Protein backbone atom coordinates (compact mmCIF):
# COMPACT_ATOMS: atom_id res chain seq x y z
CA MET A 1 111.80 87.50 81.86
CA LEU A 2 108.05 86.84 81.91
CA THR A 3 108.21 86.62 85.70
CA ALA A 4 110.86 89.19 86.63
CA ILE A 5 110.06 92.07 84.30
CA PRO A 6 106.35 92.38 85.24
CA LEU A 7 107.34 92.36 88.92
CA VAL A 8 109.90 95.13 88.35
CA SER A 9 107.44 97.02 86.17
CA ALA A 10 104.82 96.72 88.89
CA VAL A 11 106.95 99.03 91.05
CA ILE A 12 106.44 101.72 88.40
CA ASP A 13 102.64 101.48 88.78
CA PRO A 14 102.24 103.68 91.88
CA LEU A 15 104.87 106.13 90.58
CA VAL A 16 102.94 106.67 87.34
CA GLY A 17 99.68 106.89 89.28
CA HIS A 18 101.03 109.65 91.52
CA TRP A 19 102.56 111.40 88.52
CA SER A 20 99.18 111.41 86.77
CA ASP A 21 97.37 112.67 89.89
CA THR A 22 99.84 115.56 90.26
CA THR A 23 99.91 116.56 86.58
CA ARG A 24 98.73 120.02 85.55
CA SER A 25 97.99 120.57 81.84
CA ARG A 26 95.39 122.10 79.57
CA LEU A 27 94.09 118.58 78.86
CA GLY A 28 93.78 117.69 82.52
CA ARG A 29 95.52 114.91 84.44
CA ARG A 30 94.81 111.78 82.37
CA LEU A 31 94.56 112.51 78.64
CA PRO A 32 98.23 113.54 78.13
CA PHE A 33 99.40 110.13 79.39
CA ILE A 34 96.95 108.20 77.21
CA LEU A 35 97.80 110.28 74.13
CA ALA A 36 101.56 109.96 74.56
CA ALA A 37 101.95 106.39 75.83
CA THR A 38 99.39 104.47 73.73
CA PRO A 39 101.37 104.53 70.43
CA PHE A 40 104.45 103.20 72.25
CA TRP A 41 102.32 100.51 73.91
CA ALA A 42 101.20 99.29 70.47
CA LEU A 43 104.67 99.71 68.93
CA PHE A 44 106.53 97.71 71.58
CA GLY A 45 103.80 95.05 71.52
CA PHE A 46 104.51 94.63 67.81
CA LEU A 47 108.31 94.69 68.27
CA LEU A 48 108.10 91.76 70.72
CA PHE A 49 107.43 89.59 67.66
CA THR A 50 110.24 91.01 65.51
CA PRO A 51 113.49 89.93 67.23
CA PRO A 52 116.70 90.42 65.24
CA HIS A 53 118.87 87.60 63.95
CA GLY A 54 121.75 86.91 66.31
CA SER A 55 122.92 84.85 69.24
CA GLU A 56 120.59 83.69 71.98
CA ALA A 57 122.09 86.31 74.32
CA GLU A 58 121.46 89.12 71.82
CA ILE A 59 117.88 88.00 71.21
CA ALA A 60 117.27 87.66 74.96
CA ALA A 61 118.65 91.16 75.55
CA TYR A 62 116.44 92.57 72.78
CA LEU A 63 113.32 90.86 74.11
CA GLY A 64 114.09 91.89 77.69
CA ILE A 65 114.48 95.57 76.76
CA VAL A 66 111.42 95.62 74.49
CA PHE A 67 109.27 93.76 77.02
CA ALA A 68 110.31 96.23 79.76
CA LEU A 69 109.44 99.20 77.50
CA TYR A 70 106.15 97.54 76.55
CA SER A 71 105.29 97.04 80.24
CA PHE A 72 106.09 100.66 81.08
CA ALA A 73 104.05 102.00 78.13
CA SER A 74 101.15 99.72 79.11
CA ILE A 75 101.20 101.14 82.65
CA ALA A 76 101.49 104.75 81.46
CA SER A 77 98.57 104.37 79.04
CA GLY A 78 96.32 101.95 80.92
CA GLY A 79 96.56 103.34 84.47
CA PRO A 80 95.36 106.89 83.68
CA TYR A 81 92.73 105.42 81.34
CA GLU A 82 91.35 103.26 84.17
CA ALA A 83 91.39 106.29 86.47
CA LEU A 84 88.91 108.10 84.22
CA MET A 85 86.02 105.81 85.25
CA PRO A 86 85.45 107.12 88.81
CA GLU A 87 86.45 110.61 87.71
CA ILE A 88 83.69 110.82 85.07
CA TRP A 89 80.98 108.61 86.58
CA ARG A 90 80.30 109.51 90.20
CA GLY A 91 77.16 107.41 90.90
CA SER A 92 77.25 103.75 91.95
CA ARG A 93 74.70 102.58 89.36
CA GLN A 94 76.54 104.35 86.54
CA ARG A 95 79.83 102.83 87.60
CA LEU A 96 78.36 99.33 87.71
CA SER A 97 76.84 99.79 84.27
CA VAL A 98 80.05 101.13 82.74
CA ASN A 99 82.13 98.39 84.32
CA GLY A 100 79.67 95.78 83.03
CA TYR A 101 80.28 96.98 79.49
CA LYS A 102 84.00 96.91 80.22
CA VAL A 103 83.75 93.20 81.10
CA TYR A 104 81.80 92.46 77.91
CA PHE A 105 84.34 94.23 75.69
CA GLY A 106 87.17 92.63 77.67
CA ALA A 107 85.72 89.20 76.93
CA ALA A 108 85.44 90.12 73.24
CA GLY A 109 89.04 91.32 73.25
CA GLY A 110 90.10 88.10 74.93
CA ALA A 111 88.35 86.12 72.21
CA VAL A 112 90.17 88.11 69.52
CA GLY A 113 93.49 87.59 71.29
CA LEU A 114 92.98 83.87 71.90
CA VAL A 115 91.20 82.86 68.68
CA ALA A 116 91.76 85.37 65.87
CA SER A 117 95.47 85.71 66.63
CA GLY A 118 96.03 81.99 66.11
CA LEU A 119 94.18 82.05 62.79
CA ILE A 120 96.28 84.99 61.58
CA VAL A 121 99.51 83.29 62.67
CA ASP A 122 98.61 80.10 60.76
CA ARG A 123 97.86 82.00 57.57
CA TYR A 124 100.19 85.02 57.61
CA GLY A 125 102.77 84.52 60.36
CA PHE A 126 103.59 86.04 63.74
CA ARG A 127 104.64 89.49 62.53
CA THR A 128 101.41 90.07 60.65
CA MET A 129 99.44 88.90 63.66
CA ALA A 130 101.39 91.23 65.97
CA LEU A 131 100.85 94.16 63.64
CA ALA A 132 97.11 93.48 63.35
CA ILE A 133 96.64 93.13 67.12
CA ALA A 134 98.78 96.23 67.81
CA VAL A 135 96.73 98.34 65.39
CA LEU A 136 93.47 97.00 66.88
CA ALA A 137 94.69 97.83 70.40
CA LEU A 138 95.77 101.34 69.35
CA LEU A 139 92.46 102.08 67.61
CA SER A 140 90.40 100.64 70.48
CA ARG A 141 92.15 102.76 73.10
CA TYR A 142 91.89 105.91 70.98
CA VAL A 143 88.21 105.29 70.18
CA GLY A 144 87.53 104.97 73.91
CA MET A 145 89.50 108.13 74.61
CA ALA A 146 87.65 110.03 71.88
CA ALA A 147 84.32 109.02 73.41
CA ILE A 148 85.18 110.50 76.81
CA TRP A 149 87.27 113.42 75.48
CA ARG A 150 84.70 116.08 76.40
CA HIS A 151 83.89 114.47 79.75
CA ALA A 152 87.43 114.09 81.15
CA SER A 153 87.99 116.82 83.72
CA ARG A 154 90.36 119.67 82.84
CA THR A 155 89.68 121.50 86.09
CA GLU A 156 90.26 118.90 88.85
CA ARG A 157 93.09 120.34 90.90
CA PRO A 158 96.34 118.36 90.88
CA VAL A 159 97.31 116.52 94.04
CA ALA A 160 99.84 118.46 96.14
CA ILE A 161 100.90 115.58 98.41
CA PRO A 162 104.48 114.20 98.16
CA PHE A 163 104.78 110.62 96.92
CA ARG A 164 105.70 109.00 100.24
CA GLN A 165 102.94 110.83 102.06
CA ALA A 166 100.51 109.83 99.31
CA LEU A 167 101.43 106.16 99.80
CA ARG A 168 101.04 106.42 103.58
CA ALA A 169 97.62 108.02 103.15
CA ALA A 170 96.50 105.23 100.81
CA PHE A 171 97.70 102.42 103.07
CA SER A 172 96.12 104.20 106.04
CA ASN A 173 92.75 104.13 104.28
CA ARG A 174 90.79 101.61 106.37
CA TYR A 175 88.48 100.59 103.55
CA PHE A 176 91.30 100.12 101.05
CA MET A 177 93.08 97.80 103.48
CA LEU A 178 89.89 95.79 104.11
CA TYR A 179 88.98 95.45 100.44
CA LEU A 180 92.41 94.87 98.85
CA PRO A 181 93.37 91.59 100.65
CA GLY A 182 89.99 90.07 99.80
CA PHE A 183 90.38 90.85 96.10
CA VAL A 184 94.02 89.79 95.95
CA LEU A 185 93.42 86.45 97.68
CA PHE A 186 90.46 85.89 95.36
CA GLN A 187 92.76 86.47 92.38
CA VAL A 188 95.52 84.21 93.72
CA GLY A 189 93.01 81.38 94.19
CA LEU A 190 91.49 81.94 90.76
CA ASN A 191 94.91 82.00 89.05
CA MET A 192 95.84 78.74 90.76
CA VAL A 193 92.67 77.03 89.55
CA ARG A 194 93.05 78.41 86.04
CA ALA A 195 96.69 77.28 85.82
CA ALA A 196 95.77 73.85 87.16
CA LEU A 197 93.21 73.10 84.42
CA PRO A 198 95.66 71.09 82.26
CA TYR A 199 96.47 68.93 85.30
CA TYR A 200 92.76 68.29 85.98
CA VAL A 201 92.29 67.30 82.34
CA LYS A 202 95.31 64.99 82.26
CA ALA A 203 95.45 63.46 85.74
CA ILE A 204 91.78 63.32 86.74
CA LEU A 205 89.89 63.23 83.44
CA GLY A 206 92.49 61.01 81.77
CA PHE A 207 93.13 62.96 78.54
CA HIS A 208 96.74 62.85 77.31
CA LYS A 209 96.26 65.79 74.90
CA THR A 210 94.98 68.59 77.09
CA GLY A 211 94.81 71.59 74.74
CA THR A 212 91.34 71.16 73.24
CA LEU A 213 89.53 70.28 76.46
CA VAL A 214 91.27 73.05 78.41
CA ALA A 215 90.11 75.47 75.71
CA VAL A 216 86.56 74.11 75.99
CA LEU A 217 86.58 74.42 79.81
CA THR A 218 87.95 77.97 79.55
CA ALA A 219 85.27 78.87 77.01
CA VAL A 220 82.54 77.47 79.31
CA LEU A 221 83.93 79.56 82.17
CA ILE A 222 84.03 82.75 80.08
CA VAL A 223 80.51 82.27 78.68
CA SER A 224 79.14 81.63 82.17
CA LEU A 225 81.03 84.65 83.52
CA VAL A 226 79.69 87.00 80.85
CA ALA A 227 76.14 85.65 81.22
CA SER A 228 76.33 86.19 85.01
CA ILE A 229 77.23 89.90 84.88
CA PRO A 230 73.55 91.06 84.83
CA LEU A 231 72.79 88.73 87.75
CA GLN A 232 75.68 90.13 89.79
CA ALA A 233 74.63 93.69 88.97
CA ARG A 234 71.03 92.91 89.99
CA ILE A 235 72.24 91.54 93.34
CA ALA A 236 74.28 94.70 93.91
CA HIS A 237 71.32 96.94 93.04
CA ARG A 238 69.03 95.06 95.44
CA THR A 239 71.58 94.94 98.26
CA THR A 240 74.97 96.66 98.04
CA LYS A 241 78.15 96.14 96.05
CA ARG A 242 79.95 94.96 99.16
CA ALA A 243 77.24 92.36 99.87
CA ALA A 244 77.35 91.12 96.27
CA PHE A 245 81.16 90.91 96.32
CA ALA A 246 81.09 89.01 99.65
CA ARG A 247 78.57 86.54 98.19
CA ALA A 248 80.80 86.08 95.15
CA MET A 249 83.71 85.18 97.43
CA LEU A 250 81.58 82.65 99.32
CA GLY A 251 80.34 81.18 96.04
CA ALA A 252 83.90 80.79 94.77
CA THR A 253 84.89 79.15 98.06
CA ILE A 254 82.20 76.50 97.57
CA VAL A 255 82.92 75.85 93.88
CA PHE A 256 86.70 75.70 94.33
CA THR A 257 86.26 73.22 97.19
CA LEU A 258 84.09 70.97 95.01
CA LEU A 259 86.94 70.67 92.48
CA ALA A 260 88.53 68.18 94.88
CA PHE A 261 85.67 65.75 94.20
CA VAL A 262 85.67 65.71 90.39
CA GLY A 263 85.35 62.11 89.27
CA VAL A 264 84.22 60.91 92.68
CA VAL A 265 80.49 61.44 92.08
CA PRO A 266 79.06 58.15 90.69
CA TYR A 267 76.93 57.75 87.54
CA LEU A 268 77.95 61.15 86.11
CA PRO A 269 80.85 61.26 83.61
CA LYS A 270 83.97 62.95 84.98
CA THR A 271 84.16 65.36 82.06
CA ALA A 272 80.54 66.42 82.61
CA GLN A 273 81.32 67.06 86.28
CA MET A 274 84.25 69.32 85.32
CA VAL A 275 82.22 71.20 82.71
CA GLY A 276 79.42 71.74 85.24
CA LEU A 277 81.83 73.10 87.84
CA MET A 278 83.37 75.50 85.30
CA ALA A 279 79.89 76.75 84.44
CA ALA A 280 79.11 77.18 88.14
CA ALA A 281 82.46 78.92 88.78
CA GLY A 282 81.65 81.59 86.19
CA ILE A 283 78.83 82.93 88.39
CA PRO A 284 80.93 84.04 91.40
CA ILE A 285 83.98 84.85 89.26
CA ALA A 286 81.85 87.43 87.44
CA GLY A 287 81.98 89.34 90.71
CA VAL A 288 85.79 89.47 90.48
CA TYR A 289 85.51 91.35 87.21
CA LEU A 290 82.48 93.52 87.95
CA PHE A 291 82.99 94.83 91.49
CA PRO A 292 86.70 95.57 92.14
CA ALA A 293 86.90 98.69 89.95
CA THR A 294 83.65 100.04 91.41
CA LEU A 295 84.61 99.24 95.01
CA THR A 296 87.95 100.96 94.43
CA ALA A 297 86.04 103.97 93.12
CA ASP A 298 84.11 104.12 96.40
CA VAL A 299 87.38 103.90 98.32
CA ILE A 300 88.67 106.84 96.25
CA ASP A 301 85.53 108.83 97.12
CA TYR A 302 86.21 108.13 100.79
CA ASP A 303 89.85 109.19 100.37
CA ARG A 304 88.62 112.54 99.03
CA THR A 305 86.82 113.14 102.34
CA GLN A 306 90.11 112.48 104.20
CA THR A 307 92.71 114.22 102.00
CA GLY A 308 90.69 116.77 100.03
CA TYR A 309 92.00 115.41 96.71
CA ARG A 310 90.76 112.96 94.10
CA ARG A 311 93.56 110.41 93.67
CA GLU A 312 92.10 107.91 91.22
CA ALA A 313 95.34 106.98 89.46
CA THR A 314 97.26 106.45 92.69
CA TYR A 315 94.70 103.97 93.99
CA TYR A 316 94.16 102.07 90.75
CA GLN A 317 97.87 101.68 90.15
CA LEU A 318 98.62 100.76 93.76
CA HIS A 319 95.86 98.18 93.32
CA SER A 320 97.62 96.88 90.21
CA PHE A 321 101.00 96.80 91.96
CA VAL A 322 99.78 94.76 94.94
CA GLU A 323 97.78 92.43 92.67
CA GLN A 324 100.75 91.69 90.39
CA VAL A 325 103.13 91.03 93.27
CA ALA A 326 100.66 88.77 95.10
CA THR A 327 99.44 86.81 92.07
CA SER A 328 103.04 86.10 91.05
CA LEU A 329 103.03 83.72 94.03
CA ALA A 330 100.26 81.55 92.52
CA PRO A 331 102.50 79.51 90.16
CA GLY A 332 104.92 78.67 92.99
CA LEU A 333 102.13 77.64 95.32
CA LEU A 334 100.60 75.50 92.58
CA ALA A 335 103.95 73.83 91.92
CA LEU A 336 104.30 72.95 95.61
CA LEU A 337 100.84 71.37 95.70
CA LEU A 338 101.52 69.34 92.56
CA LEU A 339 104.50 67.73 94.31
CA PHE A 340 101.92 65.71 96.26
CA GLY A 341 100.79 64.03 93.03
CA ASP A 342 99.85 65.15 89.52
CA THR A 343 99.47 61.86 87.66
CA THR A 344 96.57 59.55 86.87
CA GLY A 345 97.88 57.14 89.49
CA ASN A 346 98.28 59.83 92.16
CA THR A 347 95.96 62.84 91.87
CA THR A 348 96.39 64.10 95.44
CA GLY A 349 98.24 67.29 94.51
CA VAL A 350 95.77 68.21 91.78
CA ARG A 351 92.81 67.61 94.09
CA LEU A 352 94.38 69.85 96.74
CA VAL A 353 94.44 72.87 94.40
CA GLY A 354 90.72 73.62 94.69
CA PRO A 355 90.48 73.45 98.52
CA VAL A 356 93.67 75.50 98.98
CA ALA A 357 92.36 78.13 96.55
CA ALA A 358 89.05 78.05 98.44
CA GLY A 359 90.90 78.58 101.72
CA LEU A 360 92.63 81.67 100.35
CA VAL A 361 89.32 83.12 99.15
CA LEU A 362 87.71 82.35 102.50
CA VAL A 363 90.46 84.27 104.35
CA GLY A 364 89.83 87.18 101.98
CA PHE A 365 86.12 87.00 102.74
CA LEU A 366 86.73 87.05 106.50
CA ILE A 367 88.89 90.17 106.14
CA PHE A 368 86.39 91.87 103.82
CA ARG A 369 83.48 91.27 106.22
CA ARG A 370 84.48 94.39 108.19
CA TYR A 371 84.14 96.58 105.08
CA ASP A 372 81.04 98.74 105.56
CA LEU A 373 81.56 101.68 103.20
CA PRO A 374 78.22 102.68 101.60
CA ASP A 375 77.74 102.56 97.83
CA GLU A 376 77.28 106.34 97.68
CA VAL A 377 79.98 108.11 99.71
CA PRO A 378 78.91 111.69 100.63
CA GLN A 379 81.38 114.10 99.05
CA PRO A 380 82.52 117.49 100.36
CA ALA A 381 81.88 120.56 98.25
CA PRO A 382 84.63 121.28 95.69
CA ALA A 383 87.36 123.53 97.05
């Protein structure tokens, strides 16, 4: 269910995006979706942790239905919310700044989800945890919506392009097709490395209980990532977003490759080598979280010059669809590599993960090199 339902739900992404772009209402194109879908997003998130008593088949059916409804509500609330960023902030510097704050709050939310949830479960149980997280999510989304309520456009004209034609126009956008493979391959490589951390800890570092050290390595990565956001933004301001993103891909290629040599370097403890590489990896990975939304916003600006419409939701949710489908391949690819060896006596498969991930990122970089869209795309006068 965790694999199949997100893939099926991903198909809904572009449909909801087009629906949002074509909506006409007194609140504009985005706010009605956020208002209506967010309570259901929180509700179904809570209900995932309240299965009924019954047979395994009945519980599985309940969880499958609730998880599907949760995924749909998440798409209907989150997609239009994401689409507000390029709609409200039209300048490159503003978009970088806003997206930087988004990364900071995302890291804080991740900490709440990974740390506070466990503490609540231990003391009060899963249902109380689910209720607390659902309420926090609901309030956070509504606070964000309230802050941009006056700034969300009520006058942007709805898109009048049929769905199939809208998809063809998006996939005919040269810059979208140069940027998207680079980002997706970056994500596939990153997901492989992240999923392989327990194998590095067990097979290469020699720890039988992997949980604590994996948590430490993840924390080092997150701290390094967050601390590197200002550096990545400074590089983008001094050069361009595309140059900074390309450098991030090259940096990830180098760091992922070096994962093959953990424990080989003499005189330095293996654990210290792994911690150092996680700290180094946070620097380029910060680019994965800072630049994609802003580069997509530039692509949307370019699309406006070609179609005459602003189609933020279509692009963001197409982006999400392609990303989910592609990254679902990462676990299978990782499993194939681990067949070559994932034990202390044979670490070949584990050591291959980094170089293979680096190869994927390098291919993405080579495709992205042809992307030359400026940070500020000249816009036609409103119709």
